[in-house]
Amino acid sequence: MLKPKINRTVLIKVLLCLSALTLIVVYEANYYKENSKLGIPRIKNLNVPFTSQAPEADWQEPWLNACEETTIIMADNFYKDENITPEKAREQILKILAIKEMSFGESKDESMERIAEIVNLAELPWQATVSINPLLNDIKKEIAAGRPVIVPIDARLLQNSPYKGELDYHVLIISGYDDARQEFIVQDPGTKGGKDDRYDYQNFYSAINDFLPNATPSGRKAVLFTAPK
């Protein structure tokens, strides 16, 4: 009786495929187990209403540097469960800008501490607290609990960024995460198409950089956790 010939190349390919499949299954199981420990779902995206920081497509000042004010009004309308029209966005951005300039003077960039101060001065129905060096899972837990996170980044460090190295300090909102794709979901006011943008976990986390005068990037990882009052 003749023994069937075994093609070693085919056998190796089959074994490699089985090994890769096993790794994927183990990886998925570990993520499910980790999220079960955290008590959070694998995918979550909050319905944060979006507007660009130039709601009427005018990218001159004060709109050019209004990312901080815009993240505040997006979070505010999220907690109020209200939509944002261009007219409403313009009015609300200018209101936050006026509060900032009345209290702290004119400026183009703000640290997380300063943004928290502005939020709390504005007497909004939510509050902001600074978290320094949060873990990736800390951010995910905030989102899972229904609380968007305001984040400063050095956009030059962000892969697949629409800014192509033209922008350094920028502020946006993390509204969601997706463990299946290993991505954060963000609302980026810096472009008119910044709704539900996605960035790789590790790359986005590495791009987090707070604004500190005379230090760009600062290297400090600080974000704003938000919560209803």
C-alpha atoms as a PDB file:
ATOM      1  CA  MET A   1       0.000   0.000   0.000  1.00  0.00           C
ATOM      2  CA  LEU A   2       1.386   3.361  -1.049  1.00  0.00           C
ATOM      3  CA  LYS A   3       1.695   6.041   1.592  1.00  0.00           C
ATOM      4  CA  PRO A   4       0.314   9.434   0.534  1.00  0.00           C
ATOM      5  CA  LYS A   5       3.005  12.039  -0.022  1.00  0.00           C
ATOM      6  CA  ILE A   6       2.819  15.044   2.287  1.00  0.00           C
ATOM      7  CA  ASN A   7       3.700  18.405   0.822  1.00  0.00           C
ATOM      8  CA  ARG A   8       5.856  19.950   3.531  1.00  0.00           C
ATOM      9  CA  THR A   9       5.315  23.473   2.285  1.00  0.00           C
ATOM     10  CA  VAL A  10       1.543  23.094   2.470  1.00  0.00           C
ATOM     11  CA  LEU A  11       1.822  21.471   5.893  1.00  0.00           C
ATOM     12  CA  ILE A  12       3.937  24.336   7.221  1.00  0.00           C
ATOM     13  CA  LYS A  13       1.455  26.887   5.883  1.00  0.00           C
ATOM     14  CA  VAL A  14      -1.441  25.029   7.507  1.00  0.00           C
ATOM     15  CA  LEU A  15       0.398  24.870  10.849  1.00  0.00           C
ATOM     16  CA  LEU A  16       1.243  28.583  10.655  1.00  0.00           C
ATOM     17  CA  CYS A  17      -2.394  29.428   9.948  1.00  0.00           C
ATOM     18  CA  LEU A  18      -3.543  27.299  12.874  1.00  0.00           C
ATOM     19  CA  SER A  19      -0.975  28.968  15.137  1.00  0.00           C
ATOM     20  CA  ALA A  20      -2.097  32.429  14.047  1.00  0.00           C
ATOM     21  CA  LEU A  21      -5.735  31.491  14.591  1.00  0.00           C
ATOM     22  CA  THR A  22      -4.907  30.197  18.066  1.00  0.00           C
ATOM     23  CA  LEU A  23      -3.119  33.446  18.930  1.00  0.00           C
ATOM     24  CA  ILE A  24      -6.111  35.487  17.761  1.00  0.00           C
ATOM     25  CA  VAL A  25      -8.515  33.381  19.825  1.00  0.00           C
ATOM     26  CA  VAL A  26      -6.291  33.682  22.918  1.00  0.00           C
ATOM     27  CA  TYR A  27      -5.872  37.437  22.348  1.00  0.00           C
ATOM     28  CA  GLU A  28      -9.627  37.967  22.021  1.00  0.00           C
ATOM     29  CA  ALA A  29     -10.283  35.809  25.092  1.00  0.00           C
ATOM     30  CA  ASN A  30      -7.767  37.805  27.146  1.00  0.00           C
ATOM     31  CA  TYR A  31      -9.369  41.099  26.110  1.00  0.00           C
ATOM     32  CA  TYR A  32     -12.808  39.794  26.974  1.00  0.00           C
ATOM     33  CA  LYS A  33     -11.484  38.613  30.336  1.00  0.00           C
ATOM     34  CA  GLU A  34      -9.745  41.954  31.002  1.00  0.00           C
ATOM     35  CA  ASN A  35     -12.858  43.971  30.168  1.00  0.00           C
ATOM     36  CA  SER A  36     -14.948  41.630  32.310  1.00  0.00           C
ATOM     37  CA  LYS A  37     -12.645  42.475  35.227  1.00  0.00           C
ATOM     38  CA  LEU A  38     -13.107  46.171  34.492  1.00  0.00           C
ATOM     39  CA  GLY A  39     -16.857  45.720  34.139  1.00  0.00           C
ATOM     40  CA  ILE A  40     -16.958  47.499  30.774  1.00  0.00           C
ATOM     41  CA  PRO A  41     -18.142  46.555  27.258  1.00  0.00           C
ATOM     42  CA  ARG A  42     -15.643  45.918  24.462  1.00  0.00           C
ATOM     43  CA  ILE A  43     -17.027  48.743  22.315  1.00  0.00           C
ATOM     44  CA  LYS A  44     -18.570  52.020  23.469  1.00  0.00           C
ATOM     45  CA  ASN A  45     -19.153  55.373  21.791  1.00  0.00           C
ATOM     46  CA  LEU A  46     -21.014  58.214  23.488  1.00  0.00           C
ATOM     47  CA  ASN A  47     -23.325  60.403  21.438  1.00  0.00           C
ATOM     48  CA  VAL A  48     -21.312  63.588  21.847  1.00  0.00           C
ATOM     49  CA  PRO A  49     -22.723  66.277  19.517  1.00  0.00           C
ATOM     50  CA  PHE A  50     -20.081  67.484  17.088  1.00  0.00           C
ATOM     51  CA  THR A  51     -19.108  70.902  15.798  1.00  0.00           C
ATOM     52  CA  SER A  52     -15.884  72.172  14.329  1.00  0.00           C
ATOM     53  CA  GLN A  53     -14.231  75.096  16.076  1.00  0.00           C
ATOM     54  CA  ALA A  54     -15.099  77.155  12.998  1.00  0.00           C
ATOM     55  CA  PRO A  55     -18.846  76.449  12.850  1.00  0.00           C
ATOM     56  CA  GLU A  56     -19.396  78.915  10.017  1.00  0.00           C
ATOM     57  CA  ALA A  57     -16.265  77.829   8.114  1.00  0.00           C
ATOM     58  CA  ASP A  58     -14.321  80.974   9.071  1.00  0.00           C
ATOM     59  CA  TRP A  59     -10.865  79.786  10.130  1.00  0.00           C
ATOM     60  CA  GLN A  60      -9.549  83.190  11.155  1.00  0.00           C
ATOM     61  CA  GLU A  61      -9.210  84.191  14.813  1.00  0.00           C
ATOM     62  CA  PRO A  62     -10.813  83.640  17.232  1.00  0.00           C
ATOM     63  CA  TRP A  63     -11.866  80.379  15.597  1.00  0.00           C
ATOM     64  CA  LEU A  64      -8.371  79.276  14.589  1.00  0.00           C
ATOM     65  CA  ASN A  65      -7.396  78.618  18.209  1.00  0.00           C
ATOM     66  CA  ALA A  66     -10.812  77.806  19.671  1.00  0.00           C
ATOM     67  CA  CYS A  67     -10.363  74.040  20.081  1.00  0.00           C
ATOM     68  CA  GLU A  68     -10.444  74.279  23.893  1.00  0.00           C
ATOM     69  CA  GLU A  69     -13.666  76.320  23.932  1.00  0.00           C
ATOM     70  CA  THR A  70     -15.219  73.981  21.376  1.00  0.00           C
ATOM     71  CA  THR A  71     -14.502  70.834  23.363  1.00  0.00           C
ATOM     72  CA  ILE A  72     -16.164  72.518  26.334  1.00  0.00           C
ATOM     73  CA  ILE A  73     -19.366  73.240  24.427  1.00  0.00           C
ATOM     74  CA  MET A  74     -19.457  69.744  22.908  1.00  0.00           C
ATOM     75  CA  ALA A  75     -19.216  68.227  26.380  1.00  0.00           C
ATOM     76  CA  ASP A  76     -21.778  70.718  27.674  1.00  0.00           C
ATOM     77  CA  ASN A  77     -24.340  69.839  25.022  1.00  0.00           C
ATOM     78  CA  PHE A  78     -23.684  66.144  25.641  1.00  0.00           C
ATOM     79  CA  TYR A  79     -24.590  66.533  29.311  1.00  0.00           C
ATOM     80  CA  LYS A  80     -27.623  68.655  28.388  1.00  0.00           C
ATOM     81  CA  ASP A  81     -28.630  66.067  25.754  1.00  0.00           C
ATOM     82  CA  GLU A  82     -28.912  68.780  23.115  1.00  0.00           C
ATOM     83  CA  ASN A  83     -27.793  69.074  19.502  1.00  0.00           C
ATOM     84  CA  ILE A  84     -25.508  71.795  18.143  1.00  0.00           C
ATOM     85  CA  THR A  85     -26.306  74.005  15.169  1.00  0.00           C
ATOM     86  CA  PRO A  86     -23.657  76.275  13.603  1.00  0.00           C
ATOM     87  CA  GLU A  87     -25.428  79.326  15.028  1.00  0.00           C
ATOM     88  CA  LYS A  88     -25.616  77.798  18.494  1.00  0.00           C
ATOM     89  CA  ALA A  89     -21.993  76.693  18.345  1.00  0.00           C
ATOM     90  CA  ARG A  90     -20.833  80.189  17.386  1.00  0.00           C
ATOM     91  CA  GLU A  91     -22.762  81.764  20.263  1.00  0.00           C
ATOM     92  CA  GLN A  92     -21.572  79.246  22.842  1.00  0.00           C
ATOM     93  CA  ILE A  93     -17.918  79.302  21.767  1.00  0.00           C
ATOM     94  CA  LEU A  94     -17.870  83.105  22.028  1.00  0.00           C
ATOM     95  CA  LYS A  95     -19.493  82.898  25.472  1.00  0.00           C
ATOM     96  CA  ILE A  96     -16.810  80.528  26.785  1.00  0.00           C
ATOM     97  CA  LEU A  97     -14.125  82.673  25.149  1.00  0.00           C
ATOM     98  CA  ALA A  98     -15.491  85.767  26.923  1.00  0.00           C
ATOM     99  CA  ILE A  99     -15.453  83.988  30.295  1.00  0.00           C
ATOM    100  CA  LYS A 100     -11.851  82.930  29.720  1.00  0.00           C
ATOM    101  CA  GLU A 101     -10.636  86.376  28.660  1.00  0.00           C
ATOM    102  CA  MET A 102     -12.514  88.131  31.454  1.00  0.00           C
ATOM    103  CA  SER A 103     -10.955  85.857  34.061  1.00  0.00           C
ATOM    104  CA  PHE A 104      -7.489  85.163  32.646  1.00  0.00           C
ATOM    105  CA  GLY A 105      -6.854  87.548  29.751  1.00  0.00           C
ATOM    106  CA  GLU A 106      -6.219  86.748  26.096  1.00  0.00           C
ATOM    107  CA  SER A 107      -4.412  83.534  25.190  1.00  0.00           C
ATOM    108  CA  LYS A 108      -4.315  81.003  22.370  1.00  0.00           C
ATOM    109  CA  ASP A 109      -3.556  77.770  24.239  1.00  0.00           C
ATOM    110  CA  GLU A 110      -4.704  76.475  27.615  1.00  0.00           C
ATOM    111  CA  SER A 111      -3.467  73.778  29.967  1.00  0.00           C
ATOM    112  CA  MET A 112      -5.825  71.183  31.394  1.00  0.00           C
ATOM    113  CA  GLU A 113      -5.847  73.028  34.725  1.00  0.00           C
ATOM    114  CA  ARG A 114      -6.892  76.241  33.015  1.00  0.00           C
ATOM    115  CA  ILE A 115      -9.636  74.510  31.011  1.00  0.00           C
ATOM    116  CA  ALA A 116     -10.966  72.951  34.226  1.00  0.00           C
ATOM    117  CA  GLU A 117     -11.026  76.409  35.812  1.00  0.00           C
ATOM    118  CA  ILE A 118     -12.957  77.809  32.842  1.00  0.00           C
ATOM    119  CA  VAL A 119     -15.488  74.955  32.978  1.00  0.00           C
ATOM    120  CA  ASN A 120     -16.098  75.491  36.665  1.00  0.00           C
ATOM    121  CA  LEU A 121     -16.319  79.292  36.295  1.00  0.00           C
ATOM    122  CA  ALA A 122     -18.915  78.935  33.543  1.00  0.00           C
ATOM    123  CA  GLU A 123     -21.390  77.366  36.001  1.00  0.00           C
ATOM    124  CA  LEU A 124     -22.226  74.470  33.692  1.00  0.00           C
ATOM    125  CA  PRO A 125     -24.241  71.410  34.810  1.00  0.00           C
ATOM    126  CA  TRP A 126     -21.056  69.313  34.854  1.00  0.00           C
ATOM    127  CA  GLN A 127     -17.566  69.563  36.252  1.00  0.00           C
ATOM    128  CA  ALA A 128     -14.040  68.816  35.087  1.00  0.00           C
ATOM    129  CA  THR A 129     -11.099  67.453  37.053  1.00  0.00           C
ATOM    130  CA  VAL A 130      -7.512  66.989  35.924  1.00  0.00           C
ATOM    131  CA  SER A 131      -6.123  63.460  35.778  1.00  0.00           C
ATOM    132  CA  ILE A 132      -2.343  63.197  35.403  1.00  0.00           C
ATOM    133  CA  ASN A 133      -0.832  60.073  33.857  1.00  0.00           C
ATOM    134  CA  PRO A 134      -4.123  58.195  33.482  1.00  0.00           C
ATOM    135  CA  LEU A 135      -3.853  54.609  32.293  1.00  0.00           C
ATOM    136  CA  LEU A 136      -5.456  53.639  29.003  1.00  0.00           C
ATOM    137  CA  ASN A 137      -7.994  51.582  30.949  1.00  0.00           C
ATOM    138  CA  ASP A 138      -8.782  54.587  33.176  1.00  0.00           C
ATOM    139  CA  ILE A 139      -9.871  56.506  30.079  1.00  0.00           C
ATOM    140  CA  LYS A 140     -11.925  53.559  28.831  1.00  0.00           C
ATOM    141  CA  LYS A 141     -13.669  53.245  32.201  1.00  0.00           C
ATOM    142  CA  GLU A 142     -14.697  56.918  32.058  1.00  0.00           C
ATOM    143  CA  ILE A 143     -16.211  56.418  28.608  1.00  0.00           C
ATOM    144  CA  ALA A 144     -17.957  53.215  29.683  1.00  0.00           C
ATOM    145  CA  ALA A 145     -19.476  55.160  32.592  1.00  0.00           C
ATOM    146  CA  GLY A 146     -20.932  57.717  30.170  1.00  0.00           C
ATOM    147  CA  ARG A 147     -18.381  60.480  30.747  1.00  0.00           C
ATOM    148  CA  PRO A 148     -16.481  61.935  27.755  1.00  0.00           C
ATOM    149  CA  VAL A 149     -12.820  62.794  28.286  1.00  0.00           C
ATOM    150  CA  ILE A 150     -11.182  66.051  27.111  1.00  0.00           C
ATOM    151  CA  VAL A 151      -7.668  65.383  25.851  1.00  0.00           C
ATOM    152  CA  PRO A 152      -4.702  67.556  24.774  1.00  0.00           C
ATOM    153  CA  ILE A 153      -2.394  66.185  22.103  1.00  0.00           C
ATOM    154  CA  ASP A 154       0.728  67.037  20.163  1.00  0.00           C
ATOM    155  CA  ALA A 155      -0.782  66.507  16.707  1.00  0.00           C
ATOM    156  CA  ARG A 156       2.698  66.065  15.213  1.00  0.00           C
ATOM    157  CA  LEU A 157       2.925  62.714  17.003  1.00  0.00           C
ATOM    158  CA  LEU A 158      -0.421  61.474  15.708  1.00  0.00           C
ATOM    159  CA  GLN A 159      -0.323  59.002  12.844  1.00  0.00           C
ATOM    160  CA  ASN A 160      -2.864  59.520  10.030  1.00  0.00           C
ATOM    161  CA  SER A 161      -3.528  63.008  11.345  1.00  0.00           C
ATOM    162  CA  PRO A 162      -5.294  65.434   8.977  1.00  0.00           C
ATOM    163  CA  TYR A 163      -2.858  68.153  10.036  1.00  0.00           C
ATOM    164  CA  LYS A 164       0.286  66.733   8.359  1.00  0.00           C
ATOM    165  CA  GLY A 165       2.679  68.303  10.844  1.00  0.00           C
ATOM    166  CA  GLU A 166       1.125  71.754  10.576  1.00  0.00           C
ATOM    167  CA  LEU A 167      -0.322  71.744  14.104  1.00  0.00           C
ATOM    168  CA  ASP A 168       1.312  71.003  17.414  1.00  0.00           C
ATOM    169  CA  TYR A 169      -0.921  71.601  20.440  1.00  0.00           C
ATOM    170  CA  HIS A 170      -4.562  70.638  19.989  1.00  0.00           C
ATOM    171  CA  VAL A 171      -7.506  69.624  22.195  1.00  0.00           C
ATOM    172  CA  LEU A 172     -10.296  67.183  21.375  1.00  0.00           C
ATOM    173  CA  ILE A 173     -12.746  64.794  23.025  1.00  0.00           C
ATOM    174  CA  ILE A 174     -12.487  61.047  23.410  1.00  0.00           C
ATOM    175  CA  SER A 175     -16.062  59.856  23.067  1.00  0.00           C
ATOM    176  CA  GLY A 176     -15.492  56.145  22.596  1.00  0.00           C
ATOM    177  CA  TYR A 177     -13.250  53.121  22.258  1.00  0.00           C
ATOM    178  CA  ASP A 178     -13.240  49.932  20.200  1.00  0.00           C
ATOM    179  CA  ASP A 179     -11.255  46.995  21.533  1.00  0.00           C
ATOM    180  CA  ALA A 180     -11.929  44.945  18.408  1.00  0.00           C
ATOM    181  CA  ARG A 181      -9.998  47.491  16.345  1.00  0.00           C
ATOM    182  CA  GLN A 182      -7.796  48.777  19.189  1.00  0.00           C
ATOM    183  CA  GLU A 183      -8.915  52.347  18.553  1.00  0.00           C
ATOM    184  CA  PHE A 184     -10.159  55.412  20.373  1.00  0.00           C
ATOM    185  CA  ILE A 185     -13.093  57.262  18.824  1.00  0.00           C
ATOM    186  CA  VAL A 186     -12.744  61.036  19.030  1.00  0.00           C
ATOM    187  CA  GLN A 187     -14.593  64.240  18.235  1.00  0.00           C
ATOM    188  CA  ASP A 188     -11.981  66.523  16.677  1.00  0.00           C
ATOM    189  CA  PRO A 189     -13.078  70.174  16.331  1.00  0.00           C
ATOM    190  CA  GLY A 190     -10.020  70.995  14.237  1.00  0.00           C
ATOM    191  CA  THR A 191     -11.685  69.924  10.978  1.00  0.00           C
ATOM    192  CA  LYS A 192     -15.229  70.008   9.666  1.00  0.00           C
ATOM    193  CA  GLY A 193     -15.046  66.234   9.218  1.00  0.00           C
ATOM    194  CA  GLY A 194     -13.748  65.445  12.688  1.00  0.00           C
ATOM    195  CA  LYS A 195     -16.798  63.530  13.922  1.00  0.00           C
ATOM    196  CA  ASP A 196     -16.020  60.000  15.124  1.00  0.00           C
ATOM    197  CA  ASP A 197     -12.406  59.999  13.947  1.00  0.00           C
ATOM    198  CA  ARG A 198     -10.460  56.927  15.013  1.00  0.00           C
ATOM    199  CA  TYR A 199      -6.882  56.517  16.220  1.00  0.00           C
ATOM    200  CA  ASP A 200      -4.860  53.526  17.342  1.00  0.00           C
ATOM    201  CA  TYR A 201      -4.768  53.180  21.140  1.00  0.00           C
ATOM    202  CA  GLN A 202      -1.011  53.260  21.596  1.00  0.00           C
ATOM    203  CA  ASN A 203      -0.285  55.968  19.034  1.00  0.00           C
ATOM    204  CA  PHE A 204      -3.007  58.240  20.389  1.00  0.00           C
ATOM    205  CA  TYR A 205      -1.917  57.657  23.982  1.00  0.00           C
ATOM    206  CA  SER A 206       1.682  58.502  23.064  1.00  0.00           C
ATOM    207  CA  ALA A 207       0.454  61.766  21.467  1.00  0.00           C
ATOM    208  CA  ILE A 208      -1.210  63.009  24.684  1.00  0.00           C
ATOM    209  CA  ASN A 209       0.683  66.159  25.712  1.00  0.00           C
ATOM    210  CA  ASP A 210      -0.604  68.893  27.961  1.00  0.00           C
ATOM    211  CA  PHE A 211       0.150  72.546  27.245  1.00  0.00           C
ATOM    212  CA  LEU A 212       2.797  74.037  29.493  1.00  0.00           C
ATOM    213  CA  PRO A 213       4.310  77.440  28.615  1.00  0.00           C
ATOM    214  CA  ASN A 214       7.708  77.258  26.913  1.00  0.00           C
ATOM    215  CA  ALA A 215       7.547  73.469  26.643  1.00  0.00           C
ATOM    216  CA  THR A 216       6.077  72.029  23.441  1.00  0.00           C
ATOM    217  CA  PRO A 217       5.594  69.150  23.608  1.00  0.00           C
ATOM    218  CA  SER A 218       5.515  69.198  27.388  1.00  0.00           C
ATOM    219  CA  GLY A 219       5.676  65.441  27.737  1.00  0.00           C
ATOM    220  CA  ARG A 220       3.116  65.600  30.550  1.00  0.00           C
ATOM    221  CA  LYS A 221       0.147  63.284  30.124  1.00  0.00           C
ATOM    222  CA  ALA A 222      -2.834  65.076  31.613  1.00  0.00           C
ATOM    223  CA  VAL A 223      -6.485  64.834  30.598  1.00  0.00           C
ATOM    224  CA  LEU A 224      -9.801  66.169  31.867  1.00  0.00           C
ATOM    225  CA  PHE A 225     -12.297  63.740  33.333  1.00  0.00           C
ATOM    226  CA  THR A 226     -15.826  65.143  33.157  1.00  0.00           C
ATOM    227  CA  ALA A 227     -18.846  64.291  35.284  1.00  0.00           C
ATOM    228  CA  PRO A 228     -22.353  65.667  35.879  1.00  0.00           C
ATOM    229  CA  LYS A 229     -22.809  67.703  39.040  1.00  0.00           C
END
